[in-house]
């Protein structure tokens, strides 16, 4: 579904990513873990077309996309749930969800909206409420629902657990697993490494803009080095 080849990208003349390569197979849930400032958000923003790479390649379904505009990538099946959720605070919950379907012109938008409401009953209850009046967990549900309204083949999730209470984090990760089990390919960027590895099949470790390790998620969970660095071990 997705392949990065020696990807370099950053801001202005400074590259944050220094030649990273990774693969996300169709139907898989792959996670990218690392400390703050490692380049995780930059990676997703570059894949989504929000940052232009300085070199390297991005392949989506075997086709190069590094020069494809962000809105065209959404039409091709790439949706980003951004860090910090970024809902439109002075618009209703339902209007925020419909923004996710902005590039679509088919007759299934209403049916997809109903599916989002079935998955997130709280959004249905608050569909007329301003998004900015919702809690952080509700806004995260809204951000995920908005991305699903684009019918993505590949869902990019950036820090889905940030700032949320533990029970809400568990609910969000259960939802991510369900979305993946229904066939959506997921690349998950997370600082909560234990949660990310618990639902992923494969993981990459990003350190200072470079991939410093990779492996099956279960193996990374049991790696003494990963435990010590990212999972709170000693």
C-alpha atoms as a PDB file:
ATOM      1  CA  UNK A   1       0.000   0.000   0.000  1.00  0.00           C
ATOM      2  CA  UNK A   2       2.729   2.470   1.001  1.00  0.00           C
ATOM      3  CA  UNK A   3       6.491   2.553   0.607  1.00  0.00           C
ATOM      4  CA  UNK A   4       8.990   5.232   1.577  1.00  0.00           C
ATOM      5  CA  UNK A   5      12.418   5.046  -0.052  1.00  0.00           C
ATOM      6  CA  UNK A   6      15.253   7.081   1.434  1.00  0.00           C
ATOM      7  CA  UNK A   7      12.858   9.927   2.178  1.00  0.00           C
ATOM      8  CA  UNK A   8      14.302  13.269   3.246  1.00  0.00           C
ATOM      9  CA  UNK A   9      12.060  16.154   4.262  1.00  0.00           C
ATOM     10  CA  UNK A  10      11.886  19.064   6.650  1.00  0.00           C
ATOM     11  CA  UNK A  11      11.264  22.761   6.962  1.00  0.00           C
ATOM     12  CA  UNK A  12      13.140  25.266   4.850  1.00  0.00           C
ATOM     13  CA  UNK A  13      16.769  24.255   4.326  1.00  0.00           C
ATOM     14  CA  UNK A  14      16.811  21.865   7.304  1.00  0.00           C
ATOM     15  CA  UNK A  15      15.892  18.199   6.809  1.00  0.00           C
ATOM     16  CA  UNK A  16      14.197  16.544   9.770  1.00  0.00           C
ATOM     17  CA  UNK A  17      13.976  13.187   8.011  1.00  0.00           C
ATOM     18  CA  UNK A  18      17.346  11.901   6.872  1.00  0.00           C
ATOM     19  CA  UNK A  19      16.690   9.091   4.438  1.00  0.00           C
ATOM     20  CA  UNK A  20      13.986   6.948   6.035  1.00  0.00           C
ATOM     21  CA  UNK A  21      12.593   3.833   4.369  1.00  0.00           C
ATOM     22  CA  UNK A  22       9.564   1.843   5.469  1.00  0.00           C
ATOM     23  CA  UNK A  23       6.781  -0.301   4.064  1.00  0.00           C
ATOM     24  CA  UNK A  24       3.098  -0.569   4.996  1.00  0.00           C
ATOM     25  CA  UNK A  25       1.495  -3.689   3.479  1.00  0.00           C
ATOM     26  CA  UNK A  26      -2.111  -3.588   2.310  1.00  0.00           C
ATOM     27  CA  UNK A  27      -4.463  -4.311   5.194  1.00  0.00           C
ATOM     28  CA  UNK A  28      -1.788  -3.984   7.874  1.00  0.00           C
ATOM     29  CA  UNK A  29      -1.529  -1.729  10.917  1.00  0.00           C
ATOM     30  CA  UNK A  30       2.041  -0.458  11.169  1.00  0.00           C
ATOM     31  CA  UNK A  31       3.266   1.892  13.886  1.00  0.00           C
ATOM     32  CA  UNK A  32       6.075   4.420  13.990  1.00  0.00           C
ATOM     33  CA  UNK A  33       7.337   5.141  17.496  1.00  0.00           C
ATOM     34  CA  UNK A  34       9.984   7.472  18.837  1.00  0.00           C
ATOM     35  CA  UNK A  35      10.712  10.317  21.204  1.00  0.00           C
ATOM     36  CA  UNK A  36       9.437  13.873  20.815  1.00  0.00           C
ATOM     37  CA  UNK A  37      11.238  15.612  17.977  1.00  0.00           C
ATOM     38  CA  UNK A  38      12.243  12.380  16.222  1.00  0.00           C
ATOM     39  CA  UNK A  39      10.330  13.320  13.055  1.00  0.00           C
ATOM     40  CA  UNK A  40       7.160  11.261  13.397  1.00  0.00           C
ATOM     41  CA  UNK A  41       4.708  14.065  12.568  1.00  0.00           C
ATOM     42  CA  UNK A  42       6.971  15.255   9.750  1.00  0.00           C
ATOM     43  CA  UNK A  43       6.790  11.756   8.269  1.00  0.00           C
ATOM     44  CA  UNK A  44       2.997  11.710   8.164  1.00  0.00           C
ATOM     45  CA  UNK A  45       2.766  15.305   6.942  1.00  0.00           C
ATOM     46  CA  UNK A  46       5.118  14.474   4.080  1.00  0.00           C
ATOM     47  CA  UNK A  47       3.170  11.370   3.094  1.00  0.00           C
ATOM     48  CA  UNK A  48      -0.064  13.394   3.172  1.00  0.00           C
ATOM     49  CA  UNK A  49       1.359  16.035   0.835  1.00  0.00           C
ATOM     50  CA  UNK A  50       1.571  18.842   3.412  1.00  0.00           C
ATOM     51  CA  UNK A  51       5.385  18.979   3.280  1.00  0.00           C
ATOM     52  CA  UNK A  52       7.377  18.626   0.073  1.00  0.00           C
ATOM     53  CA  UNK A  53      10.220  16.110   0.398  1.00  0.00           C
ATOM     54  CA  UNK A  54      13.701  17.245  -0.564  1.00  0.00           C
ATOM     55  CA  UNK A  55      14.643  13.811  -1.903  1.00  0.00           C
ATOM     56  CA  UNK A  56      13.582  10.196  -1.908  1.00  0.00           C
ATOM     57  CA  UNK A  57      10.388   8.543  -3.057  1.00  0.00           C
ATOM     58  CA  UNK A  58       6.876   7.919  -1.727  1.00  0.00           C
ATOM     59  CA  UNK A  59       4.931   5.142  -3.435  1.00  0.00           C
ATOM     60  CA  UNK A  60       1.206   4.587  -2.865  1.00  0.00           C
ATOM     61  CA  UNK A  61      -0.196   1.416  -4.433  1.00  0.00           C
ATOM     62  CA  UNK A  62       3.005   1.263  -6.456  1.00  0.00           C
ATOM     63  CA  UNK A  63       2.655   4.758  -7.912  1.00  0.00           C
ATOM     64  CA  UNK A  64       4.894   7.726  -7.004  1.00  0.00           C
ATOM     65  CA  UNK A  65       3.002  10.440  -5.106  1.00  0.00           C
ATOM     66  CA  UNK A  66       5.684  12.802  -3.794  1.00  0.00           C
ATOM     67  CA  UNK A  67       4.539  15.540  -6.179  1.00  0.00           C
ATOM     68  CA  UNK A  68       0.787  14.952  -5.779  1.00  0.00           C
ATOM     69  CA  UNK A  69      -1.183  17.722  -4.023  1.00  0.00           C
ATOM     70  CA  UNK A  70      -2.713  16.956  -0.645  1.00  0.00           C
ATOM     71  CA  UNK A  71      -6.321  17.221  -1.836  1.00  0.00           C
ATOM     72  CA  UNK A  72      -5.586  14.838  -4.720  1.00  0.00           C
ATOM     73  CA  UNK A  73      -4.117  12.336  -2.284  1.00  0.00           C
ATOM     74  CA  UNK A  74      -7.382  12.405  -0.327  1.00  0.00           C
ATOM     75  CA  UNK A  75      -9.239  11.588  -3.537  1.00  0.00           C
ATOM     76  CA  UNK A  76      -6.832   8.708  -4.158  1.00  0.00           C
ATOM     77  CA  UNK A  77      -7.457   7.259  -0.713  1.00  0.00           C
ATOM     78  CA  UNK A  78      -4.998   8.792   1.767  1.00  0.00           C
ATOM     79  CA  UNK A  79      -6.530  10.431   4.860  1.00  0.00           C
ATOM     80  CA  UNK A  80      -4.684  12.065   7.760  1.00  0.00           C
ATOM     81  CA  UNK A  81      -5.951  12.405  11.332  1.00  0.00           C
ATOM     82  CA  UNK A  82      -3.631  15.242  12.402  1.00  0.00           C
ATOM     83  CA  UNK A  83      -1.890  15.760  15.701  1.00  0.00           C
ATOM     84  CA  UNK A  84      -4.059  17.920  17.946  1.00  0.00           C
ATOM     85  CA  UNK A  85      -7.223  16.826  16.078  1.00  0.00           C
ATOM     86  CA  UNK A  86      -7.718  20.226  14.386  1.00  0.00           C
ATOM     87  CA  UNK A  87     -11.490  20.213  14.252  1.00  0.00           C
ATOM     88  CA  UNK A  88     -13.197  23.395  13.063  1.00  0.00           C
ATOM     89  CA  UNK A  89     -14.317  24.679  16.435  1.00  0.00           C
ATOM     90  CA  UNK A  90     -17.034  27.092  15.254  1.00  0.00           C
ATOM     91  CA  UNK A  91     -18.759  24.545  13.021  1.00  0.00           C
ATOM     92  CA  UNK A  92     -21.122  21.791  14.096  1.00  0.00           C
ATOM     93  CA  UNK A  93     -20.022  18.212  14.596  1.00  0.00           C
ATOM     94  CA  UNK A  94     -21.959  17.127  11.528  1.00  0.00           C
ATOM     95  CA  UNK A  95     -20.501  19.858   9.342  1.00  0.00           C
ATOM     96  CA  UNK A  96     -17.012  18.809  10.477  1.00  0.00           C
ATOM     97  CA  UNK A  97     -17.788  15.266   9.397  1.00  0.00           C
ATOM     98  CA  UNK A  98     -19.114  16.415   6.031  1.00  0.00           C
ATOM     99  CA  UNK A  99     -15.862  18.301   5.435  1.00  0.00           C
ATOM    100  CA  UNK A 100     -14.256  14.852   5.259  1.00  0.00           C
ATOM    101  CA  UNK A 101     -16.434  14.031   2.251  1.00  0.00           C
ATOM    102  CA  UNK A 102     -15.757  17.339   0.508  1.00  0.00           C
ATOM    103  CA  UNK A 103     -13.919  15.739  -2.435  1.00  0.00           C
ATOM    104  CA  UNK A 104     -16.644  13.130  -3.001  1.00  0.00           C
ATOM    105  CA  UNK A 105     -19.617  13.378  -5.357  1.00  0.00           C
ATOM    106  CA  UNK A 106     -21.155   9.910  -4.968  1.00  0.00           C
ATOM    107  CA  UNK A 107     -24.505   9.062  -3.417  1.00  0.00           C
ATOM    108  CA  UNK A 108     -23.123   7.157  -0.411  1.00  0.00           C
ATOM    109  CA  UNK A 109     -22.143  10.129   1.758  1.00  0.00           C
ATOM    110  CA  UNK A 110     -25.308   9.882   3.857  1.00  0.00           C
ATOM    111  CA  UNK A 111     -24.762   6.159   4.410  1.00  0.00           C
ATOM    112  CA  UNK A 112     -21.160   6.758   5.473  1.00  0.00           C
ATOM    113  CA  UNK A 113     -22.271   9.499   7.854  1.00  0.00           C
ATOM    114  CA  UNK A 114     -24.667   7.018   9.445  1.00  0.00           C
ATOM    115  CA  UNK A 115     -21.822   4.486   9.812  1.00  0.00           C
ATOM    116  CA  UNK A 116     -19.718   7.077  11.635  1.00  0.00           C
ATOM    117  CA  UNK A 117     -22.646   7.792  13.968  1.00  0.00           C
ATOM    118  CA  UNK A 118     -23.049   4.070  14.596  1.00  0.00           C
ATOM    119  CA  UNK A 119     -19.370   3.783  15.499  1.00  0.00           C
ATOM    120  CA  UNK A 120     -19.313   6.960  17.603  1.00  0.00           C
ATOM    121  CA  UNK A 121     -22.734   7.327  19.227  1.00  0.00           C
ATOM    122  CA  UNK A 122     -21.547  10.420  21.120  1.00  0.00           C
ATOM    123  CA  UNK A 123     -21.132  12.252  17.808  1.00  0.00           C
ATOM    124  CA  UNK A 124     -24.727  11.517  16.893  1.00  0.00           C
ATOM    125  CA  UNK A 125     -25.892  12.890  20.242  1.00  0.00           C
ATOM    126  CA  UNK A 126     -23.908  16.075  19.674  1.00  0.00           C
ATOM    127  CA  UNK A 127     -24.164  16.439  15.918  1.00  0.00           C
ATOM    128  CA  UNK A 128     -25.626  19.989  16.164  1.00  0.00           C
ATOM    129  CA  UNK A 129     -23.150  21.148  18.799  1.00  0.00           C
ATOM    130  CA  UNK A 130     -20.098  23.262  17.963  1.00  0.00           C
ATOM    131  CA  UNK A 131     -17.033  21.036  17.731  1.00  0.00           C
ATOM    132  CA  UNK A 132     -15.054  23.429  19.922  1.00  0.00           C
ATOM    133  CA  UNK A 133     -17.414  22.732  22.840  1.00  0.00           C
ATOM    134  CA  UNK A 134     -16.537  19.035  22.931  1.00  0.00           C
ATOM    135  CA  UNK A 135     -14.037  17.277  25.168  1.00  0.00           C
ATOM    136  CA  UNK A 136     -10.639  16.183  23.866  1.00  0.00           C
ATOM    137  CA  UNK A 137     -11.776  12.579  23.553  1.00  0.00           C
ATOM    138  CA  UNK A 138     -14.903  13.566  21.650  1.00  0.00           C
ATOM    139  CA  UNK A 139     -12.853  15.745  19.334  1.00  0.00           C
ATOM    140  CA  UNK A 140     -10.544  12.799  18.655  1.00  0.00           C
ATOM    141  CA  UNK A 141     -13.557  10.687  17.726  1.00  0.00           C
ATOM    142  CA  UNK A 142     -14.663  13.511  15.445  1.00  0.00           C
ATOM    143  CA  UNK A 143     -11.244  13.764  13.788  1.00  0.00           C
ATOM    144  CA  UNK A 144     -11.217  10.024  13.089  1.00  0.00           C
ATOM    145  CA  UNK A 145     -14.802  10.113  11.834  1.00  0.00           C
ATOM    146  CA  UNK A 146     -13.982  13.041   9.549  1.00  0.00           C
ATOM    147  CA  UNK A 147     -11.093  11.091   8.019  1.00  0.00           C
ATOM    148  CA  UNK A 148     -13.286   8.020   7.518  1.00  0.00           C
ATOM    149  CA  UNK A 149     -15.807  10.128   5.592  1.00  0.00           C
ATOM    150  CA  UNK A 150     -13.249  10.297   2.775  1.00  0.00           C
ATOM    151  CA  UNK A 151     -13.374   6.470   2.478  1.00  0.00           C
ATOM    152  CA  UNK A 152      -9.607   6.072   2.867  1.00  0.00           C
ATOM    153  CA  UNK A 153      -7.596   3.089   1.753  1.00  0.00           C
ATOM    154  CA  UNK A 154      -4.744   4.335   3.945  1.00  0.00           C
ATOM    155  CA  UNK A 155      -5.414   6.060   7.263  1.00  0.00           C
ATOM    156  CA  UNK A 156      -2.574   8.095   8.780  1.00  0.00           C
ATOM    157  CA  UNK A 157      -3.055   8.618  12.523  1.00  0.00           C
ATOM    158  CA  UNK A 158      -0.876  11.156  14.321  1.00  0.00           C
ATOM    159  CA  UNK A 159      -0.758  10.951  18.122  1.00  0.00           C
ATOM    160  CA  UNK A 160      -4.319   9.699  18.599  1.00  0.00           C
ATOM    161  CA  UNK A 161      -3.838   9.333  22.365  1.00  0.00           C
ATOM    162  CA  UNK A 162      -2.331  12.748  23.077  1.00  0.00           C
ATOM    163  CA  UNK A 163      -3.826  14.503  26.102  1.00  0.00           C
ATOM    164  CA  UNK A 164      -6.580  11.947  26.690  1.00  0.00           C
ATOM    165  CA  UNK A 165      -7.597  10.124  29.851  1.00  0.00           C
ATOM    166  CA  UNK A 166      -6.533   6.442  30.061  1.00  0.00           C
ATOM    167  CA  UNK A 167     -10.040   5.050  29.552  1.00  0.00           C
ATOM    168  CA  UNK A 168     -10.590   7.254  26.498  1.00  0.00           C
ATOM    169  CA  UNK A 169      -7.195   6.139  25.132  1.00  0.00           C
ATOM    170  CA  UNK A 170      -8.287   2.511  25.447  1.00  0.00           C
ATOM    171  CA  UNK A 171     -11.547   3.291  23.632  1.00  0.00           C
ATOM    172  CA  UNK A 172      -9.722   5.093  20.820  1.00  0.00           C
ATOM    173  CA  UNK A 173      -7.234   2.259  20.321  1.00  0.00           C
ATOM    174  CA  UNK A 174     -10.039  -0.313  20.312  1.00  0.00           C
ATOM    175  CA  UNK A 175     -11.693   1.719  17.552  1.00  0.00           C
ATOM    176  CA  UNK A 176      -8.431   1.887  15.576  1.00  0.00           C
ATOM    177  CA  UNK A 177      -8.128  -1.892  15.781  1.00  0.00           C
ATOM    178  CA  UNK A 178     -11.734  -2.306  14.571  1.00  0.00           C
ATOM    179  CA  UNK A 179     -11.161   0.036  11.612  1.00  0.00           C
ATOM    180  CA  UNK A 180      -8.079  -1.972  10.644  1.00  0.00           C
ATOM    181  CA  UNK A 181      -9.918  -5.284  11.012  1.00  0.00           C
ATOM    182  CA  UNK A 182     -12.545  -3.995   8.574  1.00  0.00           C
ATOM    183  CA  UNK A 183      -9.851  -3.607   5.917  1.00  0.00           C
ATOM    184  CA  UNK A 184      -8.433  -0.079   6.190  1.00  0.00           C
ATOM    185  CA  UNK A 185      -4.639   0.035   6.111  1.00  0.00           C
ATOM    186  CA  UNK A 186      -3.202   2.115   8.960  1.00  0.00           C
ATOM    187  CA  UNK A 187       0.082   3.876   9.650  1.00  0.00           C
ATOM    188  CA  UNK A 188       0.013   4.926  13.287  1.00  0.00           C
ATOM    189  CA  UNK A 189       2.400   7.482  14.773  1.00  0.00           C
ATOM    190  CA  UNK A 190       2.395   7.370  18.558  1.00  0.00           C
ATOM    191  CA  UNK A 191       4.342   8.435  21.591  1.00  0.00           C
ATOM    192  CA  UNK A 192       2.392   5.859  23.609  1.00  0.00           C
ATOM    193  CA  UNK A 193       4.591   3.090  22.276  1.00  0.00           C
ATOM    194  CA  UNK A 194       3.083   0.292  24.346  1.00  0.00           C
ATOM    195  CA  UNK A 195      -0.447   0.982  23.090  1.00  0.00           C
ATOM    196  CA  UNK A 196       0.729   1.373  19.506  1.00  0.00           C
ATOM    197  CA  UNK A 197       2.685  -1.879  19.505  1.00  0.00           C
ATOM    198  CA  UNK A 198      -0.218  -3.707  21.137  1.00  0.00           C
ATOM    199  CA  UNK A 199      -2.463  -3.176  18.086  1.00  0.00           C
ATOM    200  CA  UNK A 200       0.127  -3.055  15.284  1.00  0.00           C
ATOM    201  CA  UNK A 201       1.545  -6.016  13.402  1.00  0.00           C
ATOM    202  CA  UNK A 202       4.877  -4.330  12.658  1.00  0.00           C
ATOM    203  CA  UNK A 203       6.740  -1.352  14.025  1.00  0.00           C
ATOM    204  CA  UNK A 204       9.516   1.070  13.178  1.00  0.00           C
ATOM    205  CA  UNK A 205      11.571   3.109  15.617  1.00  0.00           C
ATOM    206  CA  UNK A 206      12.423   6.643  14.521  1.00  0.00           C
ATOM    207  CA  UNK A 207      15.344   8.384  16.186  1.00  0.00           C
ATOM    208  CA  UNK A 208      16.636  11.817  15.136  1.00  0.00           C
ATOM    209  CA  UNK A 209      15.186  11.520  11.655  1.00  0.00           C
ATOM    210  CA  UNK A 210      16.459   7.996  10.987  1.00  0.00           C
ATOM    211  CA  UNK A 211      14.992   4.525  11.354  1.00  0.00           C
ATOM    212  CA  UNK A 212      17.000   2.969  14.175  1.00  0.00           C
ATOM    213  CA  UNK A 213      15.069  -0.284  14.499  1.00  0.00           C
ATOM    214  CA  UNK A 214      12.175  -2.285  13.143  1.00  0.00           C
ATOM    215  CA  UNK A 215      10.470  -5.614  13.602  1.00  0.00           C
ATOM    216  CA  UNK A 216       7.298  -7.467  14.413  1.00  0.00           C
ATOM    217  CA  UNK A 217       5.370  -5.506  17.018  1.00  0.00           C
ATOM    218  CA  UNK A 218       5.415  -8.415  19.470  1.00  0.00           C
ATOM    219  CA  UNK A 219       9.202  -8.633  19.187  1.00  0.00           C
ATOM    220  CA  UNK A 220       9.620  -4.908  19.794  1.00  0.00           C
ATOM    221  CA  UNK A 221       7.390  -5.137  22.868  1.00  0.00           C
ATOM    222  CA  UNK A 222       9.788  -7.736  24.271  1.00  0.00           C
ATOM    223  CA  UNK A 223      13.022  -6.049  23.218  1.00  0.00           C
ATOM    224  CA  UNK A 224      15.055  -4.900  26.265  1.00  0.00           C
ATOM    225  CA  UNK A 225      16.334  -1.881  24.318  1.00  0.00           C
ATOM    226  CA  UNK A 226      12.830  -0.793  23.261  1.00  0.00           C
ATOM    227  CA  UNK A 227      11.441  -1.415  26.734  1.00  0.00           C
ATOM    228  CA  UNK A 228      14.184   0.680  28.312  1.00  0.00           C
ATOM    229  CA  UNK A 229      13.931   3.529  25.807  1.00  0.00           C
ATOM    230  CA  UNK A 230      10.200   3.793  25.125  1.00  0.00           C
ATOM    231  CA  UNK A 231       8.130   1.575  27.410  1.00  0.00           C
ATOM    232  CA  UNK A 232       9.222   2.779  30.822  1.00  0.00           C
ATOM    233  CA  UNK A 233      11.435  -0.208  31.605  1.00  0.00           C
ATOM    234  CA  UNK A 234      14.676  -0.209  33.548  1.00  0.00           C
END
